[in-house]
Amino acid sequence: MNHLQNIFKIKSKISPAPGKYLISEPLMSDGIFGRSVILLTEHSDEASLGYVLNKPSGFIISQLLPQFKNFSLPVYIGGPVATNTVHFIYKSDKPISSSVQIDEKLYWGGDINELLVQLSSNQLNENDVRFFVGYSGWGKNQLQKELNNGYWLVSSFPVNHLFEEEADLLWKRSVLQLERKYHFWLNVPKNPSLN
């Protein structure tokens, strides 16, 4: 089995940074991180933070935040840390107060009441917002160690990639946008030992 796993170990050509994506190698079986795509929102030598983009929680935002009662936007599992917290990212030409810009027209967090006002007044389109419970976090040098071990491939995608892809297809479509040498990942069964 170790021989099989070694063919998947990769080295990223792109460095992690806010606005970059982490794509898990196909044999990662760690629950939420298996076949996941993570958007990094923060990265330094001390810590990294991001959100898993393709793991729906089964909740809609109105179930978690009653002030969003008129919205049925899905909520995703952002990661295993602080799962009792709600976070959001959105794309817009104009950021809401207290947001952090992570890429061109892509923002993280901010004033949740202002977000509600912009959604309610159609200043912000529902399809341009993603909500999460929890987040993915790495301590000092932890993400770099995981990258060195080949668990993740760092990539860049247009902002629209995040919002236009269906969650269950995001990992597959992200792999297809990588170099051709990674496309064989799509043919790897989730658990090769069962074959």
Protein backbone atom coordinates (compact mmCIF):
# COMPACT_ATOMS: atom_id res chain seq x y z
CA MET A 1 0.00 0.00 0.00
CA ASN A 2 2.86 2.41 0.74
CA HIS A 3 4.12 1.96 -2.82
CA LEU A 4 0.69 3.00 -4.13
CA GLN A 5 0.56 6.03 -1.86
CA ASN A 6 3.99 7.22 -3.04
CA ILE A 7 2.77 7.80 -6.60
CA PHE A 8 0.39 10.42 -5.25
CA LYS A 9 2.93 12.41 -3.29
CA ILE A 10 3.35 15.73 -4.97
CA LYS A 11 5.24 18.95 -4.52
CA SER A 12 3.40 22.20 -5.04
CA LYS A 13 4.89 24.78 -7.38
CA ILE A 14 2.72 27.50 -5.85
CA SER A 15 3.25 28.72 -2.29
CA PRO A 16 0.31 28.86 0.11
CA ALA A 17 -1.21 32.32 0.53
CA PRO A 18 -4.62 33.89 1.11
CA GLY A 19 -6.80 33.29 -1.94
CA LYS A 20 -4.97 30.08 -2.91
CA TYR A 21 -6.61 26.66 -2.83
CA LEU A 22 -5.49 23.40 -1.25
CA ILE A 23 -6.55 20.28 -3.14
CA SER A 24 -6.22 17.03 -1.22
CA GLU A 25 -4.45 14.10 -2.79
CA PRO A 26 -6.92 11.29 -3.63
CA LEU A 27 -5.94 8.82 -0.91
CA MET A 28 -6.43 11.20 2.00
CA SER A 29 -9.13 9.52 4.03
CA ASP A 30 -9.33 11.81 7.01
CA GLY A 31 -13.10 12.42 7.00
CA ILE A 32 -13.71 16.04 6.15
CA PHE A 33 -10.37 16.43 4.37
CA GLY A 34 -10.82 13.46 2.04
CA ARG A 35 -11.13 14.74 -1.55
CA SER A 36 -11.53 18.27 -0.29
CA VAL A 37 -10.83 21.71 -1.69
CA ILE A 38 -9.88 24.37 0.86
CA LEU A 39 -9.72 28.12 0.30
CA LEU A 40 -6.94 29.68 2.36
CA THR A 41 -7.98 32.95 3.97
CA GLU A 42 -4.92 33.47 6.15
CA HIS A 43 -1.35 32.17 5.96
CA SER A 44 1.87 33.01 7.79
CA ASP A 45 4.79 31.17 9.36
CA GLU A 46 2.82 31.12 12.60
CA ALA A 47 -0.56 29.81 11.43
CA SER A 48 -2.86 29.15 8.50
CA LEU A 49 -6.63 29.25 8.23
CA GLY A 50 -9.08 28.26 5.54
CA TYR A 51 -12.45 26.72 4.73
CA VAL A 52 -13.36 23.39 3.15
CA LEU A 53 -15.52 24.36 0.18
CA ASN A 54 -17.10 21.07 -0.81
CA LYS A 55 -18.54 19.46 2.33
CA PRO A 56 -22.19 20.48 2.89
CA SER A 57 -23.33 20.43 6.51
CA GLY A 58 -26.96 19.62 5.72
CA PHE A 59 -28.06 22.91 7.29
CA ILE A 60 -29.28 26.11 5.69
CA ILE A 61 -28.29 29.47 7.10
CA SER A 62 -31.75 30.30 8.48
CA GLN A 63 -31.51 27.25 10.77
CA LEU A 64 -28.34 28.61 12.35
CA LEU A 65 -28.87 32.37 12.20
CA PRO A 66 -32.56 33.28 12.63
CA GLN A 67 -32.05 36.80 11.23
CA PHE A 68 -31.48 35.09 7.83
CA LYS A 69 -35.01 33.59 7.94
CA ASN A 70 -35.72 34.61 4.33
CA PHE A 71 -32.68 32.78 2.97
CA SER A 72 -32.11 29.09 2.37
CA LEU A 73 -28.41 29.25 1.52
CA PRO A 74 -26.54 26.02 2.27
CA VAL A 75 -23.98 25.96 5.06
CA TYR A 76 -20.74 24.05 4.52
CA ILE A 77 -18.43 22.38 7.03
CA GLY A 78 -15.45 24.72 6.96
CA GLY A 79 -13.30 22.42 9.05
CA PRO A 80 -13.00 20.65 12.39
CA VAL A 81 -12.05 23.73 14.47
CA ALA A 82 -14.67 25.82 16.34
CA THR A 83 -17.64 24.04 14.76
CA ASN A 84 -20.01 26.12 16.89
CA THR A 85 -19.10 29.26 14.91
CA VAL A 86 -20.46 30.58 11.60
CA HIS A 87 -18.18 32.18 9.00
CA PHE A 88 -18.70 33.49 5.49
CA ILE A 89 -16.88 34.46 2.32
CA TYR A 90 -18.35 36.40 -0.57
CA LYS A 91 -17.48 37.99 -3.88
CA SER A 92 -18.33 41.61 -4.51
CA ASP A 93 -17.08 44.82 -6.07
CA LYS A 94 -17.66 46.57 -2.74
CA PRO A 95 -16.62 45.00 0.57
CA ILE A 96 -18.83 45.18 3.62
CA SER A 97 -17.43 46.67 6.84
CA SER A 98 -14.68 44.74 8.62
CA SER A 99 -14.15 42.28 5.74
CA VAL A 100 -10.71 40.98 4.85
CA GLN A 101 -9.84 40.91 1.16
CA ILE A 102 -8.35 37.54 0.21
CA ASP A 103 -8.33 37.87 -3.57
CA GLU A 104 -9.62 40.22 -6.23
CA LYS A 105 -13.32 40.76 -5.43
CA LEU A 106 -13.20 37.96 -2.81
CA TYR A 107 -13.70 38.77 0.86
CA TRP A 108 -13.81 36.94 4.16
CA GLY A 109 -16.04 37.82 7.10
CA GLY A 110 -17.21 41.24 8.11
CA ASP A 111 -20.30 42.79 9.63
CA ILE A 112 -22.95 40.05 9.48
CA ASN A 113 -25.80 42.57 9.80
CA GLU A 114 -24.48 44.53 6.84
CA LEU A 115 -24.28 41.26 4.90
CA LEU A 116 -27.94 40.62 5.70
CA VAL A 117 -28.91 44.12 4.52
CA GLN A 118 -27.00 43.69 1.25
CA LEU A 119 -28.58 40.28 0.62
CA SER A 120 -32.07 41.54 1.51
CA SER A 121 -31.76 44.54 -0.82
CA ASN A 122 -30.22 42.47 -3.65
CA GLN A 123 -27.00 44.48 -3.51
CA LEU A 124 -25.33 41.11 -3.02
CA ASN A 125 -26.46 38.00 -4.89
CA GLU A 126 -27.18 34.87 -2.83
CA ASN A 127 -24.99 32.84 -5.21
CA ASP A 128 -22.01 35.01 -4.29
CA VAL A 129 -21.98 34.05 -0.59
CA ARG A 130 -20.79 30.87 1.14
CA PHE A 131 -21.46 30.15 4.80
CA PHE A 132 -19.46 27.73 6.94
CA VAL A 133 -19.57 26.18 10.38
CA GLY A 134 -16.09 25.81 11.77
CA TYR A 135 -12.82 26.30 9.97
CA SER A 136 -9.60 24.49 9.10
CA GLY A 137 -6.58 25.66 11.04
CA TRP A 138 -2.90 24.82 11.10
CA GLY A 139 -0.39 25.77 13.79
CA LYS A 140 3.19 26.92 13.29
CA ASN A 141 4.76 25.08 10.31
CA GLN A 142 1.99 22.46 10.36
CA LEU A 143 0.65 23.23 6.88
CA GLN A 144 4.18 23.34 5.47
CA LYS A 145 4.84 19.86 6.90
CA GLU A 146 1.65 18.57 5.29
CA LEU A 147 2.68 20.14 1.97
CA ASN A 148 6.14 18.57 2.26
CA ASN A 149 4.47 15.20 2.86
CA GLY A 150 2.42 15.66 -0.32
CA TYR A 151 -1.01 15.72 1.29
CA TRP A 152 -2.05 18.91 -0.51
CA LEU A 153 -1.46 20.58 -3.84
CA VAL A 154 -1.61 24.39 -3.78
CA SER A 155 -3.39 25.91 -6.76
CA SER A 156 -4.90 29.11 -8.09
CA PHE A 157 -8.33 29.39 -9.64
CA PRO A 158 -10.49 32.30 -10.77
CA VAL A 159 -12.89 33.47 -8.06
CA ASN A 160 -15.83 32.23 -10.13
CA HIS A 161 -14.55 28.65 -9.79
CA LEU A 162 -15.51 28.74 -6.13
CA PHE A 163 -19.03 30.02 -6.64
CA GLU A 164 -20.04 28.34 -9.90
CA GLU A 165 -19.10 24.75 -9.16
CA GLU A 166 -21.48 22.37 -7.40
CA ALA A 167 -20.01 21.25 -4.07
CA ASP A 168 -20.03 17.54 -4.91
CA LEU A 169 -18.15 18.18 -8.17
CA LEU A 170 -15.67 20.78 -6.89
CA TRP A 171 -12.79 18.38 -6.11
CA LYS A 172 -13.15 16.62 -9.47
CA ARG A 173 -13.40 19.85 -11.46
CA SER A 174 -10.49 21.34 -9.53
CA VAL A 175 -8.31 18.34 -10.37
CA LEU A 176 -9.26 18.72 -14.05
CA GLN A 177 -7.90 22.28 -13.97
CA LEU A 178 -4.53 21.07 -12.68
CA GLU A 179 -1.66 19.93 -14.86
CA ARG A 180 -2.58 16.86 -16.91
CA LYS A 181 -0.28 14.62 -14.85
CA TYR A 182 -2.76 14.86 -11.95
CA HIS A 183 -5.84 13.85 -13.94
CA PHE A 184 -5.33 10.16 -13.09
CA TRP A 185 -6.37 11.07 -9.53
CA LEU A 186 -9.95 10.97 -10.80
CA ASN A 187 -9.66 7.23 -11.50
CA VAL A 188 -8.42 6.33 -8.04
CA PRO A 189 -11.09 4.64 -5.90
CA LYS A 190 -11.75 6.29 -2.54
CA ASN A 191 -10.51 3.16 -0.78
CA PRO A 192 -8.15 1.14 -3.05
CA SER A 193 -7.80 -1.63 -0.45
CA LEU A 194 -11.43 -2.63 -1.11
CA ASN A 195 -10.68 -3.46 -4.78
